[in-house]
Amino acid sequence: MRIDRTTVAGNGVLHHIAPRRGGRFGLLVDADNTRQLFTYEESDLDVPAQAILLEPDEADQVAEICTTNRLAIACSRLNDACAN
């Protein structure tokens, strides 16, 4: 997988992700930590076909689904619960 990161002046960092099997999506992490997921059509990989705004808890849920290390997440949650 290839990940290209671009700083967007005054707006955060845009990550363009190109998986090995094709396709492309983007993730913009704004300066205020807001996350937007962008999807692209194969016919035009430069212009987003859709932008999806993710609330912080939604971004966490997507990250949990994508992770291959669920034990680390469970330990992190336990640690957070004990800290509160």
N, C-alpha and C. Protein backbone atom coordinates (compact mmCIF):
# COMPACT_ATOMS: atom_id res chain seq x y z
N MET A 1 0.86 -1.17 0.00
CA MET A 1 0.00 0.00 0.00
C MET A 1 0.90 1.23 0.00
N ARG A 2 0.46 2.23 -0.74
CA ARG A 2 1.19 3.49 -0.79
C ARG A 2 0.35 4.56 -0.11
N ILE A 3 0.97 5.33 0.75
CA ILE A 3 0.29 6.45 1.41
C ILE A 3 1.10 7.71 1.14
N ASP A 4 0.46 8.66 0.50
CA ASP A 4 1.07 9.97 0.25
C ASP A 4 0.44 10.98 1.18
N ARG A 5 1.25 11.74 1.90
CA ARG A 5 0.76 12.74 2.83
C ARG A 5 1.08 14.13 2.30
N THR A 6 0.08 14.99 2.34
CA THR A 6 0.23 16.37 1.87
C THR A 6 -0.31 17.30 2.93
N THR A 7 0.48 18.30 3.31
CA THR A 7 0.00 19.31 4.24
C THR A 7 -0.89 20.28 3.47
N VAL A 8 -2.09 20.50 3.99
CA VAL A 8 -3.04 21.42 3.38
C VAL A 8 -2.98 22.70 4.23
N ALA A 9 -2.48 23.75 3.65
CA ALA A 9 -2.24 24.99 4.39
C ALA A 9 -3.45 25.42 5.21
N GLY A 10 -3.25 25.52 6.52
CA GLY A 10 -4.30 25.97 7.42
C GLY A 10 -5.42 24.99 7.64
N ASN A 11 -5.28 23.77 7.09
CA ASN A 11 -6.40 22.85 7.15
C ASN A 11 -6.03 21.45 7.64
N GLY A 12 -4.76 21.13 7.77
CA GLY A 12 -4.39 19.82 8.27
C GLY A 12 -3.56 19.01 7.30
N VAL A 13 -3.73 17.70 7.35
CA VAL A 13 -2.96 16.79 6.51
C VAL A 13 -3.90 15.89 5.72
N LEU A 14 -3.65 15.79 4.42
CA LEU A 14 -4.43 14.91 3.55
C LEU A 14 -3.60 13.67 3.25
N HIS A 15 -4.16 12.52 3.56
CA HIS A 15 -3.51 11.24 3.31
C HIS A 15 -4.22 10.59 2.13
N HIS A 16 -3.51 10.34 1.03
CA HIS A 16 -4.06 9.59 -0.09
C HIS A 16 -3.54 8.17 0.03
N ILE A 17 -4.46 7.21 0.06
CA ILE A 17 -4.12 5.82 0.28
C ILE A 17 -4.45 5.01 -0.97
N ALA A 18 -3.45 4.29 -1.47
CA ALA A 18 -3.62 3.45 -2.66
C ALA A 18 -3.27 2.01 -2.28
N PRO A 19 -4.28 1.17 -2.01
CA PRO A 19 -4.02 -0.23 -1.67
C PRO A 19 -3.38 -0.98 -2.84
N ARG A 20 -2.70 -2.06 -2.53
CA ARG A 20 -2.01 -2.87 -3.55
C ARG A 20 -2.94 -3.37 -4.65
N ARG A 21 -4.18 -3.68 -4.28
CA ARG A 21 -5.11 -4.27 -5.26
C ARG A 21 -5.90 -3.24 -6.05
N GLY A 22 -5.52 -1.98 -5.92
CA GLY A 22 -6.16 -0.94 -6.71
C GLY A 22 -7.11 -0.08 -5.92
N GLY A 23 -7.58 0.96 -6.57
CA GLY A 23 -8.46 1.92 -5.93
C GLY A 23 -7.67 2.99 -5.21
N ARG A 24 -8.40 3.91 -4.64
CA ARG A 24 -7.78 5.01 -3.92
C ARG A 24 -8.82 5.64 -3.02
N PHE A 25 -8.40 6.02 -1.82
CA PHE A 25 -9.25 6.82 -0.95
C PHE A 25 -8.37 7.80 -0.20
N GLY A 26 -9.01 8.79 0.36
CA GLY A 26 -8.26 9.82 1.07
C GLY A 26 -8.83 10.04 2.45
N LEU A 27 -7.98 10.54 3.32
CA LEU A 27 -8.39 10.89 4.67
C LEU A 27 -7.78 12.24 5.01
N LEU A 28 -8.63 13.22 5.24
CA LEU A 28 -8.19 14.55 5.63
C LEU A 28 -8.36 14.68 7.14
N VAL A 29 -7.25 14.92 7.82
CA VAL A 29 -7.28 15.18 9.26
C VAL A 29 -7.08 16.68 9.41
N ASP A 30 -8.18 17.39 9.74
CA ASP A 30 -8.14 18.84 9.84
C ASP A 30 -7.34 19.28 11.06
N ALA A 31 -7.00 20.56 11.09
CA ALA A 31 -6.27 21.14 12.21
C ALA A 31 -7.02 20.96 13.52
N ASP A 32 -8.35 20.90 13.47
CA ASP A 32 -9.16 20.72 14.68
C ASP A 32 -9.46 19.24 14.96
N ASN A 33 -8.73 18.34 14.27
CA ASN A 33 -8.85 16.89 14.44
C ASN A 33 -10.12 16.28 13.84
N THR A 34 -10.85 17.04 13.04
CA THR A 34 -11.98 16.50 12.29
C THR A 34 -11.43 15.63 11.18
N ARG A 35 -12.12 14.54 10.89
CA ARG A 35 -11.68 13.64 9.83
C ARG A 35 -12.74 13.53 8.74
N GLN A 36 -12.26 13.63 7.49
CA GLN A 36 -13.13 13.44 6.33
C GLN A 36 -12.54 12.33 5.48
N LEU A 37 -13.38 11.38 5.12
CA LEU A 37 -12.98 10.27 4.27
C LEU A 37 -13.44 10.58 2.85
N PHE A 38 -12.55 10.44 1.90
CA PHE A 38 -12.87 10.71 0.49
C PHE A 38 -12.78 9.42 -0.31
N THR A 39 -13.76 9.19 -1.16
CA THR A 39 -13.71 8.07 -2.09
C THR A 39 -13.53 8.62 -3.50
N TYR A 40 -12.95 7.81 -4.36
CA TYR A 40 -12.67 8.22 -5.73
C TYR A 40 -13.17 7.17 -6.70
N GLU A 41 -13.58 7.62 -7.87
CA GLU A 41 -13.94 6.72 -8.97
C GLU A 41 -12.65 6.36 -9.71
N GLU A 42 -12.56 5.13 -10.20
CA GLU A 42 -11.39 4.71 -10.96
C GLU A 42 -11.15 5.61 -12.17
N SER A 43 -12.22 6.16 -12.73
CA SER A 43 -12.11 6.99 -13.93
C SER A 43 -11.51 8.36 -13.65
N ASP A 44 -11.54 8.82 -12.38
CA ASP A 44 -10.97 10.12 -12.04
C ASP A 44 -10.44 10.08 -10.60
N LEU A 45 -9.18 9.75 -10.47
CA LEU A 45 -8.58 9.59 -9.15
C LEU A 45 -8.10 10.92 -8.55
N ASP A 46 -8.38 12.03 -9.24
CA ASP A 46 -7.96 13.33 -8.73
C ASP A 46 -9.08 14.10 -8.05
N VAL A 47 -10.33 13.77 -8.38
CA VAL A 47 -11.47 14.49 -7.82
C VAL A 47 -12.30 13.53 -6.97
N PRO A 48 -12.50 13.85 -5.68
CA PRO A 48 -13.29 12.95 -4.84
C PRO A 48 -14.71 12.79 -5.37
N ALA A 49 -15.18 11.54 -5.40
CA ALA A 49 -16.56 11.26 -5.79
C ALA A 49 -17.50 11.50 -4.61
N GLN A 50 -16.96 11.34 -3.39
CA GLN A 50 -17.77 11.51 -2.19
C GLN A 50 -16.87 11.90 -1.03
N ALA A 51 -17.39 12.76 -0.17
CA ALA A 51 -16.71 13.14 1.07
C ALA A 51 -17.61 12.76 2.24
N ILE A 52 -17.05 12.07 3.21
CA ILE A 52 -17.81 11.60 4.36
C ILE A 52 -17.16 12.17 5.61
N LEU A 53 -17.90 13.00 6.34
CA LEU A 53 -17.40 13.59 7.58
C LEU A 53 -17.57 12.58 8.70
N LEU A 54 -16.51 12.29 9.43
CA LEU A 54 -16.56 11.33 10.54
C LEU A 54 -16.44 12.06 11.87
N GLU A 55 -17.36 11.79 12.77
CA GLU A 55 -17.24 12.27 14.14
C GLU A 55 -16.10 11.49 14.80
N PRO A 56 -15.51 12.04 15.88
CA PRO A 56 -14.37 11.34 16.51
C PRO A 56 -14.66 9.89 16.88
N ASP A 57 -15.84 9.62 17.45
CA ASP A 57 -16.15 8.24 17.83
C ASP A 57 -16.31 7.34 16.60
N GLU A 58 -16.79 7.91 15.50
CA GLU A 58 -16.93 7.13 14.27
C GLU A 58 -15.55 6.80 13.69
N ALA A 59 -14.64 7.76 13.73
CA ALA A 59 -13.28 7.51 13.25
C ALA A 59 -12.63 6.41 14.08
N ASP A 60 -12.86 6.43 15.40
CA ASP A 60 -12.31 5.39 16.27
C ASP A 60 -12.89 4.02 15.91
N GLN A 61 -14.19 3.97 15.61
CA GLN A 61 -14.82 2.70 15.26
C GLN A 61 -14.27 2.16 13.95
N VAL A 62 -14.06 3.03 12.97
CA VAL A 62 -13.50 2.60 11.69
C VAL A 62 -12.07 2.08 11.91
N ALA A 63 -11.29 2.78 12.73
CA ALA A 63 -9.93 2.33 13.02
C ALA A 63 -9.94 0.97 13.70
N GLU A 64 -10.89 0.75 14.60
CA GLU A 64 -10.99 -0.54 15.28
C GLU A 64 -11.31 -1.66 14.30
N ILE A 65 -12.19 -1.38 13.37
CA ILE A 65 -12.54 -2.39 12.36
C ILE A 65 -11.32 -2.73 11.50
N CYS A 66 -10.53 -1.72 11.18
CA CYS A 66 -9.39 -1.91 10.28
C CYS A 66 -8.17 -2.53 10.95
N THR A 67 -8.10 -2.44 12.26
CA THR A 67 -6.90 -2.93 12.94
C THR A 67 -6.83 -4.45 12.95
N THR A 68 -5.60 -4.94 12.96
CA THR A 68 -5.40 -6.38 13.08
C THR A 68 -4.95 -6.75 14.48
N ASN A 69 -4.83 -5.75 15.36
CA ASN A 69 -4.35 -5.99 16.71
C ASN A 69 -5.41 -5.59 17.74
N ARG A 70 -6.46 -6.36 17.84
CA ARG A 70 -7.55 -6.04 18.75
C ARG A 70 -7.13 -6.10 20.21
N LEU A 71 -6.14 -6.91 20.54
CA LEU A 71 -5.67 -6.99 21.92
C LEU A 71 -5.11 -5.65 22.38
N ALA A 72 -4.37 -4.98 21.53
CA ALA A 72 -3.81 -3.68 21.89
C ALA A 72 -4.92 -2.67 22.13
N ILE A 73 -5.98 -2.72 21.33
CA ILE A 73 -7.11 -1.81 21.53
C ILE A 73 -7.80 -2.10 22.85
N ALA A 74 -8.02 -3.37 23.14
CA ALA A 74 -8.68 -3.75 24.39
C ALA A 74 -7.85 -3.29 25.59
N CYS A 75 -6.55 -3.44 25.53
CA CYS A 75 -5.67 -2.99 26.62
C CYS A 75 -5.71 -1.48 26.75
N SER A 76 -5.73 -0.79 25.64
CA SER A 76 -5.80 0.68 25.65
C SER A 76 -7.10 1.15 26.28
N ARG A 77 -8.21 0.51 25.93
CA ARG A 77 -9.50 0.88 26.52
C ARG A 77 -9.52 0.60 28.02
N LEU A 78 -8.95 -0.51 28.42
CA LEU A 78 -8.89 -0.84 29.85
C LEU A 78 -8.04 0.19 30.59
N ASN A 79 -6.94 0.56 30.00
CA ASN A 79 -6.08 1.59 30.59
C ASN A 79 -6.81 2.91 30.71
N ASP A 80 -7.54 3.30 29.67
CA ASP A 80 -8.32 4.55 29.70
C ASP A 80 -9.40 4.49 30.78
N ALA A 81 -10.07 3.35 30.90
CA ALA A 81 -11.12 3.21 31.91
C ALA A 81 -10.54 3.31 33.32
N CYS A 82 -9.38 2.74 33.52
CA CYS A 82 -8.75 2.80 34.85
C CYS A 82 -8.27 4.20 35.18
N ALA A 83 -7.89 4.96 34.16
CA ALA A 83 -7.41 6.32 34.38
C ALA A 83 -8.55 7.27 34.77
N ASN A 84 -9.76 6.91 34.36
CA ASN A 84 -10.91 7.80 34.65
C ASN A 84 -11.49 7.38 35.94
